[in-house]
Protein backbone atom coordinates (compact mmCIF):
# COMPACT_ATOMS: atom_id res chain seq x y z
CA MET A 1 -30.24 -16.59 -0.16
CA ALA A 2 -31.04 -18.30 -3.46
CA VAL A 3 -28.36 -19.71 -5.76
CA ARG A 4 -28.90 -20.31 -9.48
CA MET A 5 -27.93 -23.73 -10.82
CA ARG A 6 -28.13 -25.63 -14.09
CA HIS A 7 -27.75 -29.23 -15.20
CA ASP A 8 -26.58 -30.66 -18.52
CA GLY A 9 -29.54 -31.87 -20.51
CA ILE A 10 -32.04 -29.61 -18.73
CA GLU A 11 -32.83 -26.27 -20.36
CA GLN A 12 -34.27 -24.43 -17.41
CA GLU A 13 -32.12 -23.16 -14.55
CA ILE A 14 -33.27 -23.59 -10.97
CA GLU A 15 -32.84 -21.55 -7.81
CA VAL A 16 -32.07 -23.35 -4.57
CA LEU A 17 -31.26 -22.23 -1.06
CA GLU A 18 -27.55 -21.97 -0.27
CA ILE A 19 -27.82 -24.81 2.21
CA SER A 20 -28.98 -27.15 -0.61
CA VAL A 21 -26.14 -26.42 -3.07
CA LYS A 22 -23.90 -29.34 -2.04
CA HIS A 23 -26.80 -31.77 -2.35
CA HIS A 24 -27.59 -30.56 -5.87
CA GLU A 25 -23.90 -30.55 -6.88
CA ARG A 26 -23.71 -34.24 -5.95
CA SER A 27 -26.55 -34.77 -8.41
CA GLY A 28 -24.68 -33.04 -11.24
CA TRP A 29 -26.03 -29.49 -10.91
CA VAL A 30 -23.57 -26.59 -11.35
CA VAL A 31 -23.72 -23.12 -9.76
CA VAL A 32 -24.01 -20.40 -12.42
CA GLY A 33 -23.68 -16.63 -12.42
CA ASP A 34 -26.03 -14.01 -13.86
CA ASP A 35 -24.72 -14.74 -17.36
CA GLY A 36 -25.58 -18.45 -17.04
CA GLN A 37 -21.93 -19.51 -17.05
CA PRO A 38 -20.53 -21.78 -14.33
CA ILE A 39 -18.72 -19.92 -11.59
CA ALA A 40 -15.56 -21.09 -9.86
CA GLU A 41 -16.11 -23.20 -6.80
CA LYS A 42 -15.89 -21.22 -3.61
CA THR A 43 -13.18 -22.33 -1.27
CA THR A 44 -13.66 -21.80 2.41
CA ALA A 45 -10.89 -22.50 4.84
CA ALA A 46 -11.81 -24.28 8.01
CA ALA A 47 -11.08 -22.37 11.16
CA LYS A 48 -8.02 -23.60 12.98
CA SER A 49 -8.56 -24.64 16.54
CA ARG A 50 -6.52 -22.98 19.24
CA ARG A 51 -5.45 -24.26 22.57
CA ARG A 52 -5.82 -21.72 25.25
CA GLU A 53 -2.91 -21.35 27.55
CA THR A 54 -3.94 -20.21 30.97
CA GLY A 55 -0.46 -19.77 32.37
CA GLU A 56 -1.44 -21.78 35.42
CA ASN A 57 0.96 -24.59 36.37
């Protein structure tokens, strides 16, 4: 899936693959919506690990 991004000082927006967004953000690019305005950063919670209890002692 392609994500639209823009950078201050560059007129044209770019489209990058989702996997490349973090790389471009480190370079100053910002994810934008259809209206060209920056969108809020997505927050994803990491999955909590679980210990399995087998009940065997």
